[in-house]
Amino acid sequence: MFIRYGYEMTVECAAPTAFVCQLDVHPAQASAVRAETPFLTNPHVDSWLYFDVFANRCRRFLAPAGQFTFAHSGVVETSDAPDPVALEAQEAPPPLLPDDTLVYLVGSRYVETDKLSQIAWDLFGTVRPGWSRVQAICDFVHNHITFGYQNARATRTAYEAYIERVGVCRDFAHLAVAFCRCMNIPARYANGYLGDIGVPPDPAPMDFNAWFEVFLGGRWYTFDARHNMPRIGRILIARGRDAADIPLVNSFGPHVLKSFRVWTEEVADAGIAAPPFSSFAQASAVA
């Protein structure tokens, strides 16, 4: 199947401001991109890509003072099957885990394993290890937190989400990641595009999504505590320990978000990468 994805954002800066954005498709899925626009800005600025320590693609640019719009779109070819389910996938004891998974066992900025460890063992210590335990964590988080965009707060941690019982997709992911790590299951935070493919359309404006991945049976598997069901059509942007590692937009100076639009939808073929951008009558393409 083919999925058209993209975004358009307008910010306002009081002075020239450096940005690093993680909005490009992750290298693990980049080979499946069949068509794409260049990175577009209005007014024109140069940009360039580098890879961070988690192998995510990061785009740097200097936004001028005033209003500044940037956008990108593409078409990716992906499976029409939902997220894989492996009911018999087992946990590996910490001494047998690969070295590169160990960073996903310890606490991080939004994941306070020290505060949640006893809670996790009380809740999940008697659950069958492996896939069943991770699914039990997803079930608990899904039912424990009430989703609502009005409840978004950029500084909310996993422990605060547990106490407050409200949040958005990143809060669901952070709490589930925390519980998994407390149970000695490597877990990492992920974000990207997730459209309403195979599910009833959501009337709310589309946004980027957060989910998480766990290391079971010798590989990483996708879980989603907010939706709590296998979904079709995820397009990965970035992975990290938590949201602090992979901010979609990071500015080195103040900016005001003036408009924000995200799209992801199934299309018949890869011929058209982007719908018309609303703010690019005189935009320049940046290679």
Protein backbone atom coordinates (compact mmCIF):
# COMPACT_ATOMS: atom_id res chain seq x y z
CA MET A 1 0.00 0.00 0.00
CA PHE A 2 1.03 3.63 -0.54
CA ILE A 3 0.69 6.32 2.13
CA ARG A 4 1.08 10.02 1.49
CA TYR A 5 2.49 11.87 4.49
CA GLY A 6 3.64 15.38 5.23
CA TYR A 7 3.55 18.47 7.37
CA GLU A 8 3.52 22.24 7.10
CA MET A 9 4.43 24.53 9.99
CA THR A 10 4.63 28.29 10.39
CA VAL A 11 6.54 29.83 13.26
CA GLU A 12 7.32 33.42 14.23
CA CYS A 13 10.72 34.37 15.61
CA ALA A 14 11.72 37.69 17.14
CA ALA A 15 15.29 37.24 15.86
CA PRO A 16 17.14 34.79 13.62
CA THR A 17 16.84 31.45 15.41
CA ALA A 18 18.61 28.13 14.93
CA PHE A 19 16.38 25.04 14.64
CA VAL A 20 16.99 21.30 14.71
CA CYS A 21 13.95 19.31 13.59
CA GLN A 22 13.39 15.57 13.57
CA LEU A 23 10.67 15.38 10.94
CA ASP A 24 12.29 13.32 8.16
CA VAL A 25 11.43 9.64 7.73
CA HIS A 26 13.71 7.38 9.76
CA PRO A 27 16.55 5.65 7.85
CA ALA A 28 14.99 2.28 8.63
CA GLN A 29 12.01 3.21 6.47
CA ALA A 30 13.59 5.73 4.10
CA SER A 31 14.26 3.10 1.43
CA ALA A 32 10.50 2.63 1.11
CA VAL A 33 9.90 6.28 0.16
CA ARG A 34 8.73 6.26 -3.46
CA ALA A 35 8.26 10.01 -4.03
CA GLU A 36 8.89 13.14 -2.03
CA THR A 37 9.10 16.90 -2.27
CA PRO A 38 12.26 18.73 -1.31
CA PHE A 39 12.31 20.41 2.08
CA LEU A 40 10.49 23.68 1.39
CA THR A 41 10.85 26.96 3.25
CA ASN A 42 9.32 30.40 2.87
CA PRO A 43 11.40 32.54 2.83
CA HIS A 44 14.20 30.42 1.44
CA VAL A 45 16.94 29.20 3.80
CA ASP A 46 19.54 26.48 3.46
CA SER A 47 19.22 23.30 5.52
CA TRP A 48 21.23 20.14 6.00
CA LEU A 49 20.85 16.71 7.60
CA TYR A 50 22.96 14.87 10.15
CA PHE A 51 22.46 11.69 12.21
CA ASP A 52 22.18 11.78 15.98
CA VAL A 53 23.50 9.14 18.39
CA PHE A 54 20.28 7.10 17.95
CA ALA A 55 20.66 7.07 14.13
CA ASN A 56 17.76 9.48 13.59
CA ARG A 57 17.83 12.04 10.78
CA CYS A 58 18.02 15.61 12.09
CA ARG A 59 17.59 18.71 9.94
CA ARG A 60 19.33 21.99 10.82
CA PHE A 61 18.46 25.47 9.57
CA LEU A 62 18.47 29.10 10.66
CA ALA A 63 15.01 30.66 10.61
CA PRO A 64 14.92 34.40 9.92
CA ALA A 65 13.15 36.92 12.11
CA GLY A 66 9.41 37.16 11.42
CA GLN A 67 7.09 34.49 10.10
CA PHE A 68 8.73 31.45 8.61
CA THR A 69 7.10 28.39 7.05
CA PHE A 70 8.66 25.00 6.41
CA ALA A 71 7.14 21.87 4.91
CA HIS A 72 7.82 18.47 3.43
CA SER A 73 5.76 15.62 1.99
CA GLY A 74 6.24 12.22 0.42
CA VAL A 75 4.75 8.85 -0.40
CA VAL A 76 5.98 5.67 1.28
CA GLU A 77 5.22 2.10 0.30
CA THR A 78 4.45 -0.08 3.30
CA SER A 79 2.73 -3.27 4.30
CA ASP A 80 -1.03 -3.31 4.60
CA ALA A 81 -0.72 -5.66 7.59
CA PRO A 82 -1.09 -4.39 11.16
CA ASP A 83 1.76 -4.29 13.67
CA PRO A 84 3.23 -7.79 14.20
CA VAL A 85 2.06 -9.83 17.19
CA ALA A 86 4.32 -12.54 18.63
CA LEU A 87 2.55 -14.03 21.63
CA GLU A 88 5.40 -16.42 22.42
CA ALA A 89 8.16 -13.78 22.33
CA GLN A 90 10.10 -14.03 25.59
CA GLU A 91 12.08 -11.67 27.77
CA ALA A 92 15.83 -12.12 28.02
CA PRO A 93 17.40 -11.82 31.48
CA PRO A 94 19.63 -8.73 31.76
CA PRO A 95 22.94 -10.70 31.64
CA LEU A 96 21.95 -12.05 28.22
CA LEU A 97 20.72 -8.80 26.66
CA PRO A 98 22.72 -7.27 23.78
CA ASP A 99 24.91 -4.35 24.85
CA ASP A 100 23.04 -1.82 22.73
CA THR A 101 19.73 -2.53 24.52
CA LEU A 102 20.98 -1.71 28.01
CA VAL A 103 20.53 2.06 27.60
CA TYR A 104 16.80 1.31 27.30
CA LEU A 105 16.68 -0.33 30.73
CA VAL A 106 17.59 2.70 32.84
CA GLY A 107 15.83 5.93 33.76
CA SER A 108 15.82 8.98 31.50
CA ARG A 109 14.46 12.53 31.46
CA TYR A 110 10.75 11.63 31.35
CA VAL A 111 11.02 8.04 32.58
CA GLU A 112 11.60 7.86 36.36
CA THR A 113 12.23 4.18 36.91
CA ASP A 114 13.26 4.89 40.50
CA LYS A 115 9.81 6.28 41.37
CA LEU A 116 7.87 3.63 39.47
CA SER A 117 9.84 0.45 40.14
CA GLN A 118 7.91 -0.80 43.17
CA ILE A 119 4.59 0.20 41.57
CA ALA A 120 5.52 -1.79 38.46
CA TRP A 121 6.48 -4.91 40.39
CA ASP A 122 3.30 -4.70 42.47
CA LEU A 123 1.19 -4.45 39.30
CA PHE A 124 2.99 -6.80 36.93
CA GLY A 125 5.34 -8.97 38.99
CA THR A 126 3.05 -11.99 38.85
CA VAL A 127 2.09 -11.63 35.18
CA ARG A 128 3.55 -14.19 32.77
CA PRO A 129 6.89 -12.83 31.48
CA GLY A 130 7.28 -11.90 27.84
CA TRP A 131 4.62 -10.67 25.45
CA SER A 132 1.83 -11.21 27.98
CA ARG A 133 3.53 -8.92 30.50
CA VAL A 134 4.07 -6.11 27.99
CA GLN A 135 0.46 -6.43 26.84
CA ALA A 136 -0.67 -6.25 30.47
CA ILE A 137 1.32 -3.03 30.82
CA CYS A 138 -0.36 -1.63 27.70
CA ASP A 139 -3.80 -2.61 29.00
CA PHE A 140 -3.16 -0.93 32.33
CA VAL A 141 -1.78 2.30 30.84
CA HIS A 142 -4.55 2.43 28.23
CA ASN A 143 -7.21 2.24 30.95
CA HIS A 144 -5.36 4.33 33.54
CA ILE A 145 -4.79 7.50 31.46
CA THR A 146 -7.58 9.56 29.91
CA PHE A 147 -6.56 10.98 26.53
CA GLY A 148 -7.24 14.62 25.71
CA TYR A 149 -5.36 17.29 23.76
CA GLN A 150 -6.41 19.79 26.43
CA ASN A 151 -4.32 17.72 28.85
CA ALA A 152 -1.06 18.12 26.93
CA ARG A 153 1.92 19.39 28.93
CA ALA A 154 5.43 19.30 27.53
CA THR A 155 7.05 18.70 30.93
CA ARG A 156 4.83 15.83 32.17
CA THR A 157 6.86 12.78 33.20
CA ALA A 158 5.86 9.13 33.36
CA TYR A 159 5.37 9.29 37.13
CA GLU A 160 3.27 12.45 36.82
CA ALA A 161 1.15 10.75 34.14
CA TYR A 162 0.62 7.85 36.53
CA ILE A 163 -0.49 10.21 39.33
CA GLU A 164 -2.54 12.64 37.21
CA ARG A 165 -4.14 9.97 34.98
CA VAL A 166 -4.47 12.34 32.00
CA GLY A 167 -2.31 13.00 28.97
CA VAL A 168 -1.67 12.62 25.28
CA CYS A 169 0.04 9.88 23.28
CA ARG A 170 3.54 10.73 24.56
CA ASP A 171 2.34 10.28 28.15
CA PHE A 172 0.90 6.85 27.38
CA ALA A 173 4.21 5.88 25.78
CA HIS A 174 6.36 7.27 28.60
CA LEU A 175 4.43 5.44 31.32
CA ALA A 176 4.47 2.15 29.41
CA VAL A 177 8.20 2.52 28.70
CA ALA A 178 8.83 3.19 32.39
CA PHE A 179 6.91 0.10 33.52
CA CYS A 180 8.71 -2.10 30.98
CA ARG A 181 12.14 -0.88 32.08
CA CYS A 182 11.21 -1.41 35.71
CA MET A 183 10.45 -5.04 34.79
CA ASN A 184 13.88 -5.37 33.10
CA ILE A 185 12.42 -5.26 29.58
CA PRO A 186 14.30 -2.88 27.25
CA ALA A 187 11.86 -0.26 25.95
CA ARG A 188 12.38 2.76 23.72
CA TYR A 189 10.18 5.71 22.77
CA ALA A 190 9.23 6.28 19.11
CA ASN A 191 7.28 8.83 17.12
CA GLY A 192 6.05 9.33 13.59
CA TYR A 193 2.96 9.40 11.40
CA LEU A 194 -0.09 7.23 12.08
CA GLY A 195 -3.22 7.82 10.01
CA ASP A 196 -6.74 6.45 10.35
CA ILE A 197 -6.12 3.43 8.12
CA GLY A 198 -8.23 0.42 9.00
CA VAL A 199 -10.00 2.25 11.83
CA PRO A 200 -12.91 4.74 11.99
CA PRO A 201 -11.77 8.28 11.08
CA ASP A 202 -10.89 10.51 14.01
CA PRO A 203 -12.64 13.89 13.64
CA ALA A 204 -9.84 15.69 15.51
CA PRO A 205 -7.14 17.43 13.45
CA MET A 206 -4.33 15.05 12.58
CA ASP A 207 -1.12 15.16 14.61
CA PHE A 208 2.10 13.22 14.93
CA ASN A 209 1.90 10.13 17.13
CA ALA A 210 4.04 8.51 19.81
CA TRP A 211 4.32 4.79 20.57
CA PHE A 212 7.03 2.54 21.96
CA GLU A 213 9.11 -0.53 21.11
CA VAL A 214 10.24 -3.39 23.35
CA PHE A 215 13.00 -5.96 22.95
CA LEU A 216 11.52 -9.46 23.15
CA GLY A 217 12.62 -12.72 21.56
CA GLY A 218 15.78 -11.18 20.16
CA ARG A 219 14.16 -8.29 18.24
CA TRP A 220 12.22 -5.07 18.71
CA TYR A 221 8.40 -5.05 18.55
CA THR A 222 5.98 -2.13 18.32
CA PHE A 223 3.41 -1.50 21.05
CA ASP A 224 0.95 1.37 21.41
CA ALA A 225 -0.56 1.97 24.83
CA ARG A 226 -2.80 4.79 23.67
CA HIS A 227 -4.61 2.88 20.91
CA ASN A 228 -3.87 -0.55 22.44
CA MET A 229 -4.33 -2.47 19.22
CA PRO A 230 -2.15 -3.35 16.22
CA ARG A 231 -2.40 -0.56 13.67
CA ILE A 232 -1.71 -0.24 9.95
CA GLY A 233 0.53 2.33 8.31
CA ARG A 234 3.00 3.61 10.88
CA ILE A 235 5.72 5.81 9.37
CA LEU A 236 8.65 6.04 11.77
CA ILE A 237 10.46 9.33 12.27
CA ALA A 238 12.66 8.81 15.32
CA ARG A 239 13.52 6.58 18.27
CA GLY A 240 15.14 7.44 21.58
CA ARG A 241 15.08 6.93 25.32
CA ASP A 242 12.12 9.30 25.63
CA ALA A 243 10.70 12.49 24.09
CA ALA A 244 13.66 14.55 25.27
CA ASP A 245 15.90 12.66 22.83
CA ILE A 246 13.66 13.13 19.80
CA PRO A 247 11.85 16.49 19.86
CA LEU A 248 10.04 17.08 16.58
CA VAL A 249 11.03 20.75 16.68
CA ASN A 250 13.82 22.15 18.82
CA SER A 251 14.70 25.85 18.62
CA PHE A 252 17.68 27.56 20.20
CA GLY A 253 15.72 30.67 21.08
CA PRO A 254 12.03 31.55 21.49
CA HIS A 255 9.49 31.03 18.73
CA VAL A 256 5.70 31.07 18.49
CA LEU A 257 3.89 28.36 16.56
CA LYS A 258 1.41 30.15 14.26
CA SER A 259 0.02 27.18 12.30
CA PHE A 260 0.54 23.45 12.11
CA ARG A 261 -0.81 20.86 9.68
CA VAL A 262 -0.06 17.14 9.39
CA TRP A 263 -1.44 14.62 6.90
CA THR A 264 -1.13 10.91 6.34
CA GLU A 265 -3.52 9.01 4.09
CA GLU A 266 -3.65 6.01 1.83
CA VAL A 267 -3.32 6.79 -1.90
CA ALA A 268 -3.65 4.68 -5.01
CA ASP A 269 -0.07 5.05 -6.22
CA ALA A 270 3.21 6.84 -5.61
CA GLY A 271 2.75 9.45 -8.34
CA ILE A 272 1.84 12.48 -6.23
CA ALA A 273 4.03 13.30 -3.24
CA ALA A 274 2.17 16.24 -1.79
CA PRO A 275 -1.14 18.07 -1.70
CA PRO A 276 -0.91 21.83 -2.37
CA PHE A 277 0.97 23.65 0.37
CA SER A 278 -1.01 26.62 1.64
CA SER A 279 1.91 28.99 2.18
CA PHE A 280 4.22 28.40 -0.77
CA ALA A 281 3.13 30.55 -3.68
CA GLN A 282 6.69 31.90 -3.82
CA ALA A 283 8.51 29.22 -1.85
CA SER A 284 11.92 27.96 -2.78
CA ALA A 285 12.95 24.34 -2.81
CA VAL A 286 15.90 23.39 -0.65
CA ALA A 287 17.82 20.33 -1.79
